[in-house]
Amino acid sequence: MNAHRHGIVAMIVACTLWGLSPLYYMLLDHVPPPEILAHRTMWSLVFFALLLAGQGRLHEMKSAFATRSRFGTILLAALLVSVNWGVFITSIQIGLVREAALGYYIFPLVAVVFGVVFFGERLGRAQWGALVLATSGVLVLTIGQGTAPWIALVLAATFGLYGVIKKRLPLGPVVSVASEVLMLAPVALIWLGWLWTDGQGAFGTDLSTSLLLMASGVMTGFPLVLFARAAQQVPLATVGLLQYINPTLQFLCAVTVLAEPFTRVHAISFALIWLALGVYSVALVLQEKARSKSASAASTDPAV
């Protein structure tokens, strides 16, 4: 199997794990979200520390905090990912996984907007059309429900801003996320310590709960490692298309396994957003093909 196929398999496995994660965290619905988040942070740190140590790269963590500005950037990224994780876990426990799926569906389009705002990128007609369709879908859901889909909007916005911050960090994905959870670890440790001294902590109450909380580090870190590998081996357009496996599986988990209601308003809203993603994805594929053709032509040009 060549590197390209390895990358595709890694991407599919990563997105499948993310997409089925609501079922995993439903097994912890008796544990308050802040406690799950704290354990997810601490066990993720253990996972990344062992991974980097095994690769002989633990020393790279020092460079992550080389300057004061980089320290501040990592801190901001850590806060954004913490909010994203916390809202996602909360959405599972309050029965709004379908709204979390909506957030990850609209994230690529939010990222396009942030590209315009923060990096001066220019949009084509197809991208503008996709944004209009997605905005229409959110408006339909807002009017139909009588309230904005805040979970979806917060998840999309925090993940989009997280991506903006990550573009400014000259660090590899594993070192970057390891440094972020390291920043969050003191707060998580204090919170878990307080729960333990107060006799409220879920960890240690029974074996299955303790193992599930410990495994949350692997559930967080392992898909990220696979995703990082895929991003290096697979074209951007392919990565963009395969990442929709994640919200699609979340959506299917919500309406089939978790039996969340899916009304006519939801159907219209999701249909508009799926159409927007279709337009966006076709434009992305065509753009990637044009870029590849241009690069191929340049490489075969004798004048180059």
Protein backbone atom coordinates (compact mmCIF):
# COMPACT_ATOMS: atom_id res chain seq x y z
CA MET A 1 0.00 0.00 0.00
CA ASN A 2 1.50 3.34 -1.08
CA ALA A 3 1.63 6.51 1.01
CA HIS A 4 -1.46 8.00 -0.65
CA ARG A 5 -3.61 4.99 0.24
CA HIS A 6 -2.15 4.88 3.75
CA GLY A 7 -3.15 8.52 4.13
CA ILE A 8 -6.72 7.88 2.95
CA VAL A 9 -7.11 4.93 5.34
CA ALA A 10 -5.71 7.03 8.21
CA MET A 11 -8.16 9.85 7.40
CA ILE A 12 -11.14 7.50 7.25
CA VAL A 13 -10.24 5.87 10.57
CA ALA A 14 -9.69 9.25 12.26
CA CYS A 15 -13.01 10.67 11.04
CA THR A 16 -14.84 7.47 11.94
CA LEU A 17 -13.52 7.61 15.51
CA TRP A 18 -14.54 11.27 15.79
CA GLY A 19 -17.92 10.55 14.26
CA LEU A 20 -18.70 7.70 16.66
CA SER A 21 -17.34 9.52 19.72
CA PRO A 22 -20.85 10.58 20.89
CA LEU A 23 -21.57 6.92 21.59
CA TYR A 24 -18.37 6.71 23.64
CA TYR A 25 -19.13 9.80 25.72
CA MET A 26 -22.73 8.68 26.25
CA LEU A 27 -21.24 5.87 28.34
CA LEU A 28 -20.03 8.65 30.65
CA ASP A 29 -23.34 10.54 30.84
CA HIS A 30 -23.34 10.04 34.64
CA VAL A 31 -20.14 12.11 34.89
CA PRO A 32 -20.46 15.95 34.76
CA PRO A 33 -18.98 17.50 31.56
CA PRO A 34 -16.34 19.61 33.42
CA GLU A 35 -14.97 16.45 35.04
CA ILE A 36 -14.88 14.60 31.71
CA LEU A 37 -13.12 17.59 30.15
CA ALA A 38 -10.54 17.64 32.94
CA HIS A 39 -9.83 13.93 32.55
CA ARG A 40 -9.71 14.26 28.77
CA THR A 41 -7.08 16.98 29.19
CA MET A 42 -4.93 15.06 31.68
CA TRP A 43 -5.02 11.70 29.89
CA SER A 44 -4.39 13.40 26.54
CA LEU A 45 -1.25 14.90 28.08
CA VAL A 46 -0.16 11.42 29.19
CA PHE A 47 -0.83 10.03 25.70
CA PHE A 48 1.16 12.75 23.91
CA ALA A 49 3.99 12.65 26.44
CA LEU A 50 4.40 8.89 25.95
CA LEU A 51 4.14 9.26 22.17
CA LEU A 52 6.78 12.00 21.98
CA ALA A 53 9.02 10.15 24.43
CA GLY A 54 8.74 6.98 22.36
CA GLN A 55 9.69 8.94 19.23
CA GLY A 56 12.59 10.64 21.04
CA ARG A 57 10.95 14.03 20.44
CA LEU A 58 10.06 15.08 23.97
CA HIS A 59 12.75 17.77 23.82
CA GLU A 60 10.73 19.52 21.09
CA MET A 61 8.29 20.69 23.75
CA LYS A 62 10.85 23.25 24.89
CA SER A 63 10.71 25.05 21.55
CA ALA A 64 6.94 25.38 21.85
CA PHE A 65 7.36 27.99 24.58
CA ALA A 66 10.50 29.63 23.18
CA THR A 67 9.04 33.15 23.09
CA ARG A 68 6.45 35.12 25.05
CA SER A 69 4.31 35.67 21.95
CA ARG A 70 4.29 31.94 21.18
CA PHE A 71 3.31 31.24 24.78
CA GLY A 72 0.33 33.58 24.42
CA THR A 73 -0.66 32.03 21.10
CA ILE A 74 -0.59 28.51 22.56
CA LEU A 75 -2.62 29.69 25.55
CA LEU A 76 -5.28 31.16 23.27
CA ALA A 77 -5.39 27.96 21.20
CA ALA A 78 -5.70 25.92 24.41
CA LEU A 79 -8.64 28.01 25.62
CA LEU A 80 -10.42 27.69 22.26
CA VAL A 81 -9.99 23.92 22.06
CA SER A 82 -11.08 23.59 25.69
CA VAL A 83 -14.32 25.47 24.98
CA ASN A 84 -14.84 23.34 21.85
CA TRP A 85 -14.34 20.08 23.74
CA GLY A 86 -16.52 21.21 26.64
CA VAL A 87 -19.43 22.30 24.43
CA PHE A 88 -19.22 19.07 22.42
CA ILE A 89 -19.35 16.89 25.56
CA THR A 90 -22.23 18.98 26.91
CA SER A 91 -24.16 18.62 23.64
CA ILE A 92 -24.05 14.84 24.05
CA GLN A 93 -25.36 14.90 27.60
CA ILE A 94 -28.24 17.30 26.85
CA GLY A 95 -29.36 15.44 23.73
CA LEU A 96 -28.20 17.85 21.04
CA VAL A 97 -25.69 15.75 19.10
CA ARG A 98 -27.48 16.63 15.84
CA GLU A 99 -26.66 20.29 16.55
CA ALA A 100 -23.02 19.38 17.21
CA ALA A 101 -22.99 17.60 13.85
CA LEU A 102 -24.41 20.75 12.26
CA GLY A 103 -21.53 22.72 13.77
CA TYR A 104 -18.92 20.47 12.20
CA TYR A 105 -20.78 20.55 8.89
CA ILE A 106 -20.65 24.36 8.72
CA PHE A 107 -17.10 24.60 10.09
CA PRO A 108 -15.41 24.45 6.64
CA LEU A 109 -17.57 27.36 5.47
CA VAL A 110 -16.82 29.32 8.65
CA ALA A 111 -13.14 28.66 7.96
CA VAL A 112 -13.61 30.20 4.50
CA VAL A 113 -15.04 33.36 6.10
CA PHE A 114 -12.14 33.52 8.55
CA GLY A 115 -9.75 33.15 5.63
CA VAL A 116 -11.23 36.33 4.14
CA VAL A 117 -11.26 38.21 7.45
CA PHE A 118 -7.83 37.25 8.80
CA PHE A 119 -5.77 36.41 5.71
CA GLY A 120 -7.35 38.51 2.96
CA GLU A 121 -8.28 35.46 0.89
CA ARG A 122 -10.63 35.99 -2.07
CA LEU A 123 -13.75 33.92 -2.70
CA GLY A 124 -15.07 32.63 -6.00
CA ARG A 125 -18.71 32.53 -7.00
CA ALA A 126 -19.15 28.95 -5.86
CA GLN A 127 -17.80 29.74 -2.41
CA TRP A 128 -20.09 32.76 -2.09
CA GLY A 129 -23.01 30.59 -3.18
CA ALA A 130 -22.13 27.96 -0.59
CA LEU A 131 -21.97 30.59 2.15
CA VAL A 132 -25.38 31.98 1.18
CA LEU A 133 -26.92 28.48 1.24
CA ALA A 134 -25.35 27.63 4.61
CA THR A 135 -26.47 30.94 6.12
CA SER A 136 -29.98 30.25 4.84
CA GLY A 137 -29.91 26.85 6.52
CA VAL A 138 -28.90 28.35 9.87
CA LEU A 139 -31.61 31.04 9.54
CA VAL A 140 -34.27 28.42 8.78
CA LEU A 141 -33.28 26.51 11.91
CA THR A 142 -33.19 29.68 14.01
CA ILE A 143 -36.66 30.79 12.90
CA GLY A 144 -38.11 27.28 13.13
CA GLN A 145 -36.78 26.62 16.63
CA GLY A 146 -37.26 30.16 17.88
CA THR A 147 -33.62 30.28 18.92
CA ALA A 148 -30.27 30.17 17.18
CA PRO A 149 -28.42 26.81 17.09
CA TRP A 150 -25.88 28.10 19.57
CA ILE A 151 -24.06 24.81 20.07
CA ALA A 152 -23.46 24.49 16.33
CA LEU A 153 -22.35 28.11 16.02
CA VAL A 154 -20.01 27.94 19.03
CA LEU A 155 -18.43 24.68 17.83
CA ALA A 156 -17.91 26.02 14.30
CA ALA A 157 -16.60 29.39 15.50
CA THR A 158 -14.20 28.04 18.14
CA PHE A 159 -12.82 25.40 15.79
CA GLY A 160 -12.50 27.98 13.01
CA LEU A 161 -10.65 30.43 15.27
CA TYR A 162 -8.54 27.53 16.54
CA GLY A 163 -7.51 26.89 12.93
CA VAL A 164 -6.58 30.56 12.49
CA ILE A 165 -4.38 30.39 15.59
CA LYS A 166 -2.76 27.14 14.47
CA LYS A 167 -1.71 28.70 11.17
CA ARG A 168 0.39 31.14 13.20
CA LEU A 169 2.15 28.38 15.15
CA PRO A 170 5.29 26.95 13.48
CA LEU A 171 4.88 23.64 15.30
CA GLY A 172 3.97 20.13 14.23
CA PRO A 173 0.44 18.95 15.08
CA VAL A 174 1.46 16.54 17.86
CA VAL A 175 3.81 18.98 19.60
CA SER A 176 1.27 21.76 19.16
CA VAL A 177 -1.63 19.89 20.79
CA ALA A 178 0.66 18.47 23.47
CA SER A 179 1.70 22.01 24.40
CA GLU A 180 -1.96 23.08 24.52
CA VAL A 181 -3.03 20.31 26.90
CA LEU A 182 0.09 21.02 28.97
CA MET A 183 -1.18 24.59 29.39
CA LEU A 184 -4.61 23.32 30.45
CA ALA A 185 -3.27 20.57 32.72
CA PRO A 186 -2.77 22.68 35.91
CA VAL A 187 -6.40 23.84 35.86
CA ALA A 188 -7.61 20.31 35.13
CA LEU A 189 -5.44 18.89 37.93
CA ILE A 190 -6.70 21.46 40.45
CA TRP A 191 -10.30 20.72 39.49
CA LEU A 192 -9.85 16.95 39.79
CA GLY A 193 -7.98 17.38 43.07
CA TRP A 194 -10.84 19.43 44.50
CA LEU A 195 -13.38 16.81 43.41
CA TRP A 196 -11.30 14.05 44.98
CA THR A 197 -10.88 15.83 48.34
CA ASP A 198 -14.60 16.66 48.35
CA GLY A 199 -15.53 13.04 47.62
CA GLN A 200 -17.35 13.91 44.37
CA GLY A 201 -15.00 12.55 41.72
CA ALA A 202 -16.24 9.77 39.46
CA PHE A 203 -12.75 8.33 38.92
CA GLY A 204 -12.24 5.28 41.10
CA THR A 205 -15.92 4.75 41.87
CA ASP A 206 -16.08 1.79 39.50
CA LEU A 207 -13.68 0.12 37.08
CA SER A 208 -15.59 0.80 33.84
CA THR A 209 -15.95 4.54 34.53
CA SER A 210 -12.27 4.85 35.46
CA LEU A 211 -11.13 3.00 32.33
CA LEU A 212 -13.41 5.09 30.10
CA LEU A 213 -12.06 8.32 31.57
CA MET A 214 -8.47 7.12 31.10
CA ALA A 215 -9.17 6.03 27.51
CA SER A 216 -10.48 9.51 26.67
CA GLY A 217 -6.84 10.50 26.19
CA VAL A 218 -6.39 7.89 23.47
CA MET A 219 -9.78 8.82 21.96
CA THR A 220 -8.50 12.40 21.71
CA GLY A 221 -4.91 11.84 20.66
CA PHE A 222 -4.96 8.81 18.36
CA PRO A 223 -7.35 10.29 15.72
CA LEU A 224 -5.31 13.50 15.72
CA VAL A 225 -2.12 11.58 14.94
CA LEU A 226 -3.91 9.77 12.08
CA PHE A 227 -5.30 13.07 10.78
CA ALA A 228 -1.85 14.68 10.86
CA ARG A 229 -0.44 11.76 8.86
CA ALA A 230 -3.27 11.95 6.32
CA ALA A 231 -2.81 15.70 5.88
CA GLN A 232 0.78 15.07 4.80
CA GLN A 233 -0.03 12.27 2.34
CA VAL A 234 -3.42 13.17 0.83
CA PRO A 235 -4.38 16.14 -1.39
CA LEU A 236 -6.28 18.96 0.31
CA ALA A 237 -9.46 18.33 -1.70
CA THR A 238 -9.54 14.68 -0.59
CA VAL A 239 -8.98 15.64 3.04
CA GLY A 240 -11.79 18.19 2.74
CA LEU A 241 -14.23 15.61 1.39
CA LEU A 242 -13.31 12.80 3.78
CA GLN A 243 -13.68 15.02 6.84
CA TYR A 244 -17.46 15.04 6.29
CA ILE A 245 -17.46 11.44 7.52
CA ASN A 246 -17.20 12.89 11.04
CA PRO A 247 -20.38 15.02 11.18
CA THR A 248 -22.28 12.51 9.04
CA LEU A 249 -21.66 9.74 11.56
CA GLN A 250 -22.47 12.12 14.43
CA PHE A 251 -25.74 13.00 12.70
CA LEU A 252 -26.60 9.32 12.16
CA CYS A 253 -25.78 8.54 15.80
CA ALA A 254 -28.07 11.38 16.90
CA VAL A 255 -31.16 10.45 14.89
CA THR A 256 -30.86 6.64 14.95
CA VAL A 257 -29.01 5.39 18.04
CA LEU A 258 -29.72 8.33 20.38
CA ALA A 259 -33.23 8.93 18.95
CA GLU A 260 -32.99 12.72 18.91
CA PRO A 261 -35.98 14.40 17.19
CA PHE A 262 -35.48 15.41 13.57
CA THR A 263 -38.31 17.67 12.43
CA ARG A 264 -39.24 19.14 9.04
CA VAL A 265 -37.40 22.32 10.04
CA HIS A 266 -34.24 20.29 10.70
CA ALA A 267 -34.67 18.51 7.36
CA ILE A 268 -34.90 21.80 5.42
CA SER A 269 -31.99 23.34 7.33
CA PHE A 270 -29.70 20.33 6.89
CA ALA A 271 -30.68 20.01 3.22
CA LEU A 272 -29.58 23.60 2.57
CA ILE A 273 -26.30 23.04 4.39
CA TRP A 274 -25.66 19.72 2.61
CA LEU A 275 -26.28 21.52 -0.69
CA ALA A 276 -23.86 24.25 0.39
CA LEU A 277 -21.22 21.62 1.18
CA GLY A 278 -21.82 19.98 -2.19
CA VAL A 279 -21.21 23.26 -4.00
CA TYR A 280 -18.17 24.00 -1.84
CA SER A 281 -16.71 20.49 -2.30
CA VAL A 282 -17.10 20.51 -6.10
CA ALA A 283 -15.40 23.92 -6.23
CA LEU A 284 -12.60 22.61 -3.98
CA VAL A 285 -12.02 19.54 -6.16
CA LEU A 286 -11.95 21.63 -9.36
CA GLN A 287 -9.58 24.10 -7.76
CA GLU A 288 -7.26 21.31 -6.64
CA LYS A 289 -7.30 19.74 -10.13
CA ALA A 290 -6.48 23.10 -11.73
CA ARG A 291 -3.62 23.62 -9.28
CA SER A 292 -2.25 20.11 -9.96
CA LYS A 293 -2.50 20.61 -13.73
CA SER A 294 -0.74 23.96 -13.46
CA ALA A 295 2.03 22.48 -11.34
CA SER A 296 2.42 19.55 -13.75
CA ALA A 297 2.64 21.88 -16.73
CA ALA A 298 5.25 24.00 -14.97
CA SER A 299 7.39 20.97 -14.12
CA THR A 300 7.46 19.80 -17.74
CA ASP A 301 8.13 23.25 -19.19
CA PRO A 302 11.72 23.25 -20.54
CA ALA A 303 12.03 26.91 -19.61
CA VAL A 304 11.51 26.15 -15.91
